[in-house]
């Protein structure tokens, strides 16, 4: 008899951790944390994002590619060579793991945009936007090629399997980074495939998500006005692009982005004193099409730090803890205790209120100087 997976709407597991002092840790702890929530996944998706993992190429865009065929790789490499200087190109190191079957071609590139194309006549002098357009082109127009990640000094490692198997498959114990996020997937409304596993990324933004984005349609149409295309067959993709749009292009801080995506109800805004009421009214009016509806808990990473938040009525869980310079977030407290047995503080996220954990200023400056 064929195995039947029941629909469990509350499934999926997320976990994240950051050393705010900039200290680097291998991927072993994040694997242990997400593995403890094994039963929240069903083997159809798992993945990780690590920051600070490529100190030898800190200012290069690190592209992780998933290919269905050698033809897709050849076509993508021709496209990349026309727009970027490719300073390194190699297979992503992996090892055989029993639970990982028929993996696709996995490749990584360390790229620098060609200056004459970025800064040429009638072109915007913005390397990030130039790189974003390249990612959109690959995902939308090159058959069988999918960009898993494209940020600087970071990378996403994802695929079909339980997350602990994906972590061992990608040999994450050989990488060291100052922050990590992880996801164990139980897909309900979208297919389980290598490009559709979490995290979803653009540039150095990465998103892991438990839940369902019922506002996907309006969010997608809003993003398309700004040049984003959604081609990875899942609702979570829009969250990564919304963070890039609001954070990088519009200059909002983590807290302000979360207020736009998980805004308080109008009845609660109306009760707020000034100037909070005026600010939140403006955010809701300007970014109404960016509002996320549905049950969700989300951890977002970028080079500065990680933030976790859930929907306004807290239909999905989010726990957090602190131990010295370390901050942890996860779907379950047990996943934190597995890697931090005696935290200084443990708390549950409030509905719609972000938990923000960023590098200390001196650590961020040190990492920037190293770049």
Protein backbone atom coordinates (compact mmCIF):
# COMPACT_ATOMS: atom_id res chain seq x y z
CA UNK A 1 0.00 0.00 0.00
CA UNK A 2 1.29 3.46 -0.86
CA UNK A 3 2.21 5.58 2.14
CA UNK A 4 -0.26 8.42 2.69
CA UNK A 5 0.82 11.63 4.44
CA UNK A 6 -2.03 13.32 6.31
CA UNK A 7 -2.58 17.04 5.96
CA UNK A 8 -1.30 18.68 9.15
CA UNK A 9 -1.86 22.44 8.82
CA UNK A 10 0.25 23.23 11.89
CA UNK A 11 3.26 21.27 10.60
CA UNK A 12 6.69 22.63 9.67
CA UNK A 13 9.48 23.57 12.07
CA UNK A 14 11.74 26.61 12.14
CA UNK A 15 14.83 27.44 14.16
CA UNK A 16 17.42 30.19 14.24
CA UNK A 17 20.40 31.31 16.28
CA UNK A 18 22.88 34.18 16.27
CA UNK A 19 26.03 35.10 18.19
CA UNK A 20 25.61 38.85 18.46
CA UNK A 21 29.33 39.29 19.13
CA UNK A 22 30.09 37.89 15.67
CA UNK A 23 31.58 34.63 16.91
CA UNK A 24 31.32 31.86 14.36
CA UNK A 25 29.87 28.40 15.00
CA UNK A 26 29.59 25.35 12.81
CA UNK A 27 26.29 24.09 11.47
CA UNK A 28 26.16 21.25 14.01
CA UNK A 29 24.05 23.15 16.58
CA UNK A 30 21.40 24.28 14.10
CA UNK A 31 21.12 20.70 12.78
CA UNK A 32 20.61 19.41 16.34
CA UNK A 33 17.97 22.04 17.03
CA UNK A 34 15.86 21.37 13.93
CA UNK A 35 16.32 17.59 14.23
CA UNK A 36 14.57 17.63 17.61
CA UNK A 37 11.40 18.73 15.80
CA UNK A 38 11.58 15.82 13.35
CA UNK A 39 7.89 14.95 13.69
CA UNK A 40 6.87 18.40 12.42
CA UNK A 41 8.31 17.49 8.98
CA UNK A 42 7.47 14.71 6.55
CA UNK A 43 10.68 14.38 4.54
CA UNK A 44 9.55 16.57 1.63
CA UNK A 45 11.74 19.57 2.41
CA UNK A 46 14.50 20.84 4.66
CA UNK A 47 17.07 23.57 4.53
CA UNK A 48 19.45 25.98 6.21
CA UNK A 49 20.92 29.45 5.75
CA UNK A 50 24.29 30.43 7.20
CA UNK A 51 25.85 33.90 7.48
CA UNK A 52 29.58 34.61 7.65
CA UNK A 53 30.36 31.24 6.05
CA UNK A 54 32.49 32.53 3.15
CA UNK A 55 35.22 34.71 4.74
CA UNK A 56 37.51 34.11 1.74
CA UNK A 57 34.95 35.77 -0.58
CA UNK A 58 33.22 38.33 1.68
CA UNK A 59 32.40 40.87 -1.04
CA UNK A 60 31.44 38.44 -3.79
CA UNK A 61 27.86 37.46 -4.48
CA UNK A 62 27.75 33.76 -3.62
CA UNK A 63 25.29 32.09 -5.98
CA UNK A 64 24.03 28.63 -5.01
CA UNK A 65 22.35 27.01 -8.03
CA UNK A 66 20.07 23.99 -8.38
CA UNK A 67 20.12 22.47 -11.88
CA UNK A 68 17.89 19.85 -13.41
CA UNK A 69 20.39 19.12 -16.21
CA UNK A 70 23.80 19.93 -17.62
CA UNK A 71 22.05 21.92 -20.33
CA UNK A 72 20.53 24.16 -17.67
CA UNK A 73 23.98 24.61 -16.11
CA UNK A 74 25.58 25.51 -19.44
CA UNK A 75 22.85 28.03 -20.24
CA UNK A 76 23.07 29.61 -16.81
CA UNK A 77 26.85 29.84 -16.86
CA UNK A 78 26.74 31.55 -20.27
CA UNK A 79 24.25 34.07 -18.88
CA UNK A 80 26.32 34.68 -15.73
CA UNK A 81 29.55 35.10 -17.72
CA UNK A 82 27.91 37.81 -19.82
CA UNK A 83 27.13 39.90 -16.74
CA UNK A 84 29.56 38.93 -13.99
CA UNK A 85 33.21 38.19 -13.43
CA UNK A 86 33.17 34.60 -12.15
CA UNK A 87 36.06 34.35 -9.70
CA UNK A 88 35.27 30.81 -8.53
CA UNK A 89 33.00 28.03 -9.75
CA UNK A 90 32.65 24.59 -8.18
CA UNK A 91 30.19 21.88 -7.15
CA UNK A 92 28.71 22.42 -3.70
CA UNK A 93 30.37 19.75 -1.52
CA UNK A 94 28.00 16.97 -0.46
CA UNK A 95 28.16 13.43 0.91
CA UNK A 96 25.92 10.42 0.28
CA UNK A 97 23.09 10.24 2.84
CA UNK A 98 20.55 7.43 2.90
CA UNK A 99 17.56 9.73 3.17
CA UNK A 100 18.54 11.95 0.22
CA UNK A 101 17.51 10.40 -3.09
CA UNK A 102 18.33 11.53 -6.62
CA UNK A 103 19.78 14.97 -5.84
CA UNK A 104 20.01 17.49 -8.69
CA UNK A 105 23.19 19.20 -9.87
CA UNK A 106 24.30 21.61 -7.12
CA UNK A 107 26.82 24.32 -7.99
CA UNK A 108 28.14 27.54 -6.49
CA UNK A 109 29.75 30.64 -7.96
CA UNK A 110 31.49 33.64 -6.45
CA UNK A 111 30.62 36.58 -8.65
CA UNK A 112 31.32 40.28 -9.11
CA UNK A 113 29.08 42.32 -11.44
CA UNK A 114 30.84 43.77 -14.45
CA UNK A 115 31.32 47.44 -13.63
CA UNK A 116 30.60 48.67 -17.14
CA UNK A 117 27.18 47.02 -17.03
CA UNK A 118 26.25 48.25 -13.57
CA UNK A 119 27.45 51.82 -14.05
CA UNK A 120 26.98 52.20 -17.79
CA UNK A 121 25.00 54.97 -19.44
CA UNK A 122 21.27 54.98 -18.58
CA UNK A 123 21.73 52.16 -16.07
CA UNK A 124 21.18 52.36 -12.29
CA UNK A 125 24.43 52.38 -10.35
CA UNK A 126 23.31 49.69 -7.91
CA UNK A 127 25.03 46.31 -7.89
CA UNK A 128 22.32 44.76 -5.69
CA UNK A 129 19.54 45.66 -8.11
CA UNK A 130 21.67 44.44 -11.01
CA UNK A 131 22.19 41.12 -9.22
CA UNK A 132 18.53 40.84 -8.26
CA UNK A 133 17.50 41.19 -11.90
CA UNK A 134 19.92 38.40 -12.81
CA UNK A 135 18.34 36.12 -10.20
CA UNK A 136 14.86 36.92 -11.47
CA UNK A 137 15.95 36.15 -15.05
CA UNK A 138 17.44 32.77 -14.15
CA UNK A 139 14.43 31.64 -12.13
CA UNK A 140 11.94 32.89 -14.70
CA UNK A 141 13.62 32.31 -18.06
CA UNK A 142 16.25 29.55 -17.88
CA UNK A 143 14.54 26.18 -17.84
CA UNK A 144 15.75 23.81 -15.15
CA UNK A 145 17.82 26.38 -13.22
CA UNK A 146 16.89 27.79 -9.81
CA UNK A 147 18.86 30.15 -7.58
CA UNK A 148 18.92 28.86 -4.01
CA UNK A 149 20.77 31.93 -2.70
CA UNK A 150 22.59 34.98 -4.02
CA UNK A 151 23.87 37.01 -1.06
CA UNK A 152 27.31 38.04 0.11
CA UNK A 153 29.14 35.89 2.67
CA UNK A 154 26.08 33.65 3.11
CA UNK A 155 24.46 30.66 1.52
CA UNK A 156 21.31 28.53 1.53
CA UNK A 157 21.48 24.72 1.58
CA UNK A 158 18.16 23.05 0.88
CA UNK A 159 16.48 20.08 -0.72
CA UNK A 160 13.96 17.27 -0.45
CA UNK A 161 14.46 15.28 2.74
CA UNK A 162 14.29 15.65 6.50
CA UNK A 163 16.31 18.68 7.62
CA UNK A 164 18.86 16.72 9.62
CA UNK A 165 19.56 14.60 6.54
CA UNK A 166 19.88 17.73 4.39
CA UNK A 167 22.36 19.17 6.90
CA UNK A 168 24.52 16.07 6.81
CA UNK A 169 24.20 15.85 3.01
CA UNK A 170 25.61 19.37 2.64
CA UNK A 171 28.33 18.75 5.29
CA UNK A 172 27.31 21.78 7.32
CA UNK A 173 29.70 20.82 10.09
CA UNK A 174 32.49 22.06 7.79
CA UNK A 175 31.07 25.62 7.64
CA UNK A 176 31.24 28.27 10.36
CA UNK A 177 28.96 31.30 10.58
CA UNK A 178 27.75 33.84 13.14
CA UNK A 179 24.07 33.10 12.48
CA UNK A 180 22.04 30.17 11.17
CA UNK A 181 18.40 29.46 10.37
CA UNK A 182 16.74 26.15 9.58
CA UNK A 183 13.47 24.70 8.33
CA UNK A 184 11.74 21.33 8.34
CA UNK A 185 8.89 21.27 5.84
CA UNK A 186 5.47 19.66 5.87
CA UNK A 187 4.07 20.99 2.56
CA UNK A 188 0.30 21.27 2.45
CA UNK A 189 -0.69 23.44 -0.51
CA UNK A 190 2.47 23.51 -2.66
CA UNK A 191 4.73 20.74 -4.01
CA UNK A 192 7.76 19.33 -2.25
CA UNK A 193 10.74 19.80 -4.59
CA UNK A 194 14.35 20.98 -4.32
CA UNK A 195 13.73 24.56 -5.43
CA UNK A 196 10.61 24.78 -3.27
CA UNK A 197 12.31 23.89 0.01
CA UNK A 198 13.01 26.64 2.54
CA UNK A 199 14.84 28.96 3.05
CA UNK A 200 13.68 31.31 0.32
CA UNK A 201 16.18 34.02 -0.39
CA UNK A 202 17.06 37.07 -2.41
CA UNK A 203 20.45 38.74 -2.07
CA UNK A 204 21.33 38.31 1.61
CA UNK A 205 17.72 38.00 2.85
CA UNK A 206 16.57 34.50 3.83
CA UNK A 207 13.18 33.35 5.12
CA UNK A 208 12.01 30.19 6.87
CA UNK A 209 8.29 29.93 7.51
CA UNK A 210 5.74 27.75 9.28
CA UNK A 211 2.18 28.33 8.17
CA UNK A 212 0.28 29.64 5.19
CA UNK A 213 0.25 33.01 3.41
CA UNK A 214 -3.37 33.36 2.30
CA UNK A 215 -2.63 36.86 0.95
CA UNK A 216 -0.16 35.44 -1.57
CA UNK A 217 -2.11 36.68 -4.60
CA UNK A 218 -2.20 40.35 -3.63
CA UNK A 219 1.35 40.20 -2.25
CA UNK A 220 2.60 38.75 -5.53
CA UNK A 221 0.82 41.34 -7.67
CA UNK A 222 2.24 44.11 -5.48
CA UNK A 223 5.80 42.77 -5.86
CA UNK A 224 5.47 42.39 -9.62
CA UNK A 225 5.03 46.18 -9.85
CA UNK A 226 8.60 46.48 -8.54
CA UNK A 227 10.15 43.92 -10.90
CA UNK A 228 10.02 40.78 -8.75
CA UNK A 229 8.82 37.52 -10.28
CA UNK A 230 7.54 34.54 -8.27
CA UNK A 231 8.51 31.26 -9.94
CA UNK A 232 9.24 28.80 -7.11
CA UNK A 233 5.69 27.49 -6.58
CA UNK A 234 5.23 28.44 -2.95
CA UNK A 235 3.63 31.22 -0.93
CA UNK A 236 6.76 31.81 1.18
CA UNK A 237 8.70 33.27 -1.73
CA UNK A 238 6.82 36.58 -1.44
CA UNK A 239 8.06 37.10 2.14
CA UNK A 240 11.72 37.18 1.09
CA UNK A 241 10.98 39.67 -1.68
CA UNK A 242 8.89 41.87 0.60
CA UNK A 243 11.77 42.12 3.06
CA UNK A 244 14.12 43.09 0.23
CA UNK A 245 11.70 45.70 -1.11
CA UNK A 246 10.85 47.27 2.23
CA UNK A 247 14.22 46.79 3.91
CA UNK A 248 16.85 47.33 1.23
CA UNK A 249 15.03 49.47 -1.31
CA UNK A 250 12.73 51.48 0.98
CA UNK A 251 15.10 51.63 3.96
CA UNK A 252 12.74 50.34 6.68
CA UNK A 253 14.22 48.73 9.79
CA UNK A 254 13.40 45.18 10.90
CA UNK A 255 10.76 46.41 13.36
CA UNK A 256 9.10 48.64 10.78
CA UNK A 257 9.00 45.87 8.15
CA UNK A 258 7.29 43.55 10.61
CA UNK A 259 4.77 46.28 11.46
CA UNK A 260 3.92 46.45 7.75
CA UNK A 261 3.71 42.69 7.21
CA UNK A 262 1.93 41.86 10.49
CA UNK A 263 0.29 45.22 11.22
CA UNK A 264 -1.94 45.71 14.27
CA UNK A 265 -5.69 45.70 13.64
CA UNK A 266 -7.27 49.09 12.92
CA UNK A 267 -9.26 48.88 16.16
CA UNK A 268 -5.99 48.59 18.10
CA UNK A 269 -4.30 51.38 16.14
CA UNK A 270 -7.21 53.70 16.88
CA UNK A 271 -6.63 53.23 20.63
CA UNK A 272 -2.92 54.10 20.45
CA UNK A 273 -1.54 57.46 21.59
CA UNK A 274 0.26 59.76 19.20
CA UNK A 275 2.74 59.56 17.52
CA UNK A 276 2.45 55.73 17.40
CA UNK A 277 -1.06 55.93 15.94
CA UNK A 278 0.05 58.28 13.17
CA UNK A 279 3.08 56.13 12.28
CA UNK A 280 1.14 52.85 12.16
CA UNK A 281 -1.68 54.45 10.19
CA UNK A 282 0.85 55.61 7.60
CA UNK A 283 2.48 52.16 7.43
CA UNK A 284 -0.85 50.40 6.96
CA UNK A 285 -1.96 52.85 4.28
CA UNK A 286 1.30 52.83 2.31
CA UNK A 287 1.99 49.10 2.62
CA UNK A 288 -1.52 47.66 2.65
CA UNK A 289 -0.70 45.32 -0.23
CA UNK A 290 2.31 43.97 1.69
CA UNK A 291 0.21 42.85 4.66
CA UNK A 292 0.48 39.09 5.25
CA UNK A 293 -2.71 37.24 6.09
CA UNK A 294 -3.01 33.71 7.35
CA UNK A 295 -1.40 31.71 10.17
CA UNK A 296 2.39 32.01 10.23
CA UNK A 297 5.59 32.17 12.20
CA UNK A 298 8.66 33.38 10.34
CA UNK A 299 12.39 33.81 10.94
CA UNK A 300 14.18 36.19 8.60
CA UNK A 301 17.94 36.57 8.31
CA UNK A 302 20.26 39.06 6.68
CA UNK A 303 23.90 40.01 7.16
CA UNK A 304 23.02 42.21 10.14
CA UNK A 305 20.99 39.68 12.16
CA UNK A 306 17.80 37.66 12.45
CA UNK A 307 14.24 38.48 13.44
CA UNK A 308 11.30 36.27 14.29
CA UNK A 309 7.62 37.18 14.23
CA UNK A 310 4.24 35.52 13.91
CA UNK A 311 0.76 36.48 12.78
CA UNK A 312 -1.29 39.01 14.71
CA UNK A 313 -3.39 36.44 16.57
CA UNK A 314 -0.54 33.98 17.04
CA UNK A 315 -1.86 30.95 15.17
CA UNK A 316 1.66 29.54 14.86
CA UNK A 317 4.18 29.19 17.71
CA UNK A 318 7.41 31.10 18.21
CA UNK A 319 9.71 30.76 21.22
CA UNK A 320 12.91 32.68 21.96
CA UNK A 321 15.77 32.51 24.44
CA UNK A 322 18.94 34.35 25.34
CA UNK A 323 22.25 33.11 26.79
CA UNK A 324 25.02 35.70 26.97
CA UNK A 325 25.65 36.93 23.42
CA UNK A 326 23.55 34.15 21.91
CA UNK A 327 19.90 34.54 20.89
CA UNK A 328 17.77 31.56 19.85
CA UNK A 329 14.38 31.28 18.15
CA UNK A 330 12.38 28.16 17.34
CA UNK A 331 8.92 26.68 16.93
CA UNK A 332 9.35 24.82 20.24
CA UNK A 333 11.22 25.60 23.46
CA UNK A 334 12.61 22.05 23.43
CA UNK A 335 14.52 22.82 20.21
CA UNK A 336 16.28 25.66 22.02
CA UNK A 337 17.01 23.67 25.17
CA UNK A 338 18.55 20.93 23.01
CA UNK A 339 21.43 23.31 22.13
CA UNK A 340 21.31 25.68 25.14
CA UNK A 341 20.46 23.71 28.26
CA UNK A 342 20.39 26.66 30.70
CA UNK A 343 19.37 29.89 28.95
CA UNK A 344 19.36 33.16 30.89
CA UNK A 345 15.86 33.95 29.63
CA UNK A 346 13.10 32.16 27.70
CA UNK A 347 9.94 33.78 26.36
CA UNK A 348 7.15 33.36 23.83
CA UNK A 349 6.70 35.83 21.01
CA UNK A 350 3.60 38.00 21.22
CA UNK A 351 1.29 38.04 18.23
CA UNK A 352 2.62 40.33 15.51
CA UNK A 353 5.51 41.67 17.65
CA UNK A 354 9.00 40.98 16.25
CA UNK A 355 11.93 39.57 18.17
CA UNK A 356 14.98 41.28 16.69
CA UNK A 357 18.53 40.02 17.33
CA UNK A 358 21.24 41.92 15.49
CA UNK A 359 25.00 41.93 15.65
CA UNK A 360 26.45 44.37 18.14
CA UNK A 361 27.65 47.51 16.40
CA UNK A 362 31.33 46.71 17.00
CA UNK A 363 30.85 43.17 15.65
CA UNK A 364 29.04 44.48 12.58
CA UNK A 365 31.84 46.99 11.94
CA UNK A 366 34.47 44.28 12.36
CA UNK A 367 32.72 42.03 9.84
CA UNK A 368 32.30 44.99 7.46
CA UNK A 369 36.03 45.82 7.71
CA UNK A 370 36.88 42.20 6.96
CA UNK A 371 34.81 42.58 3.81
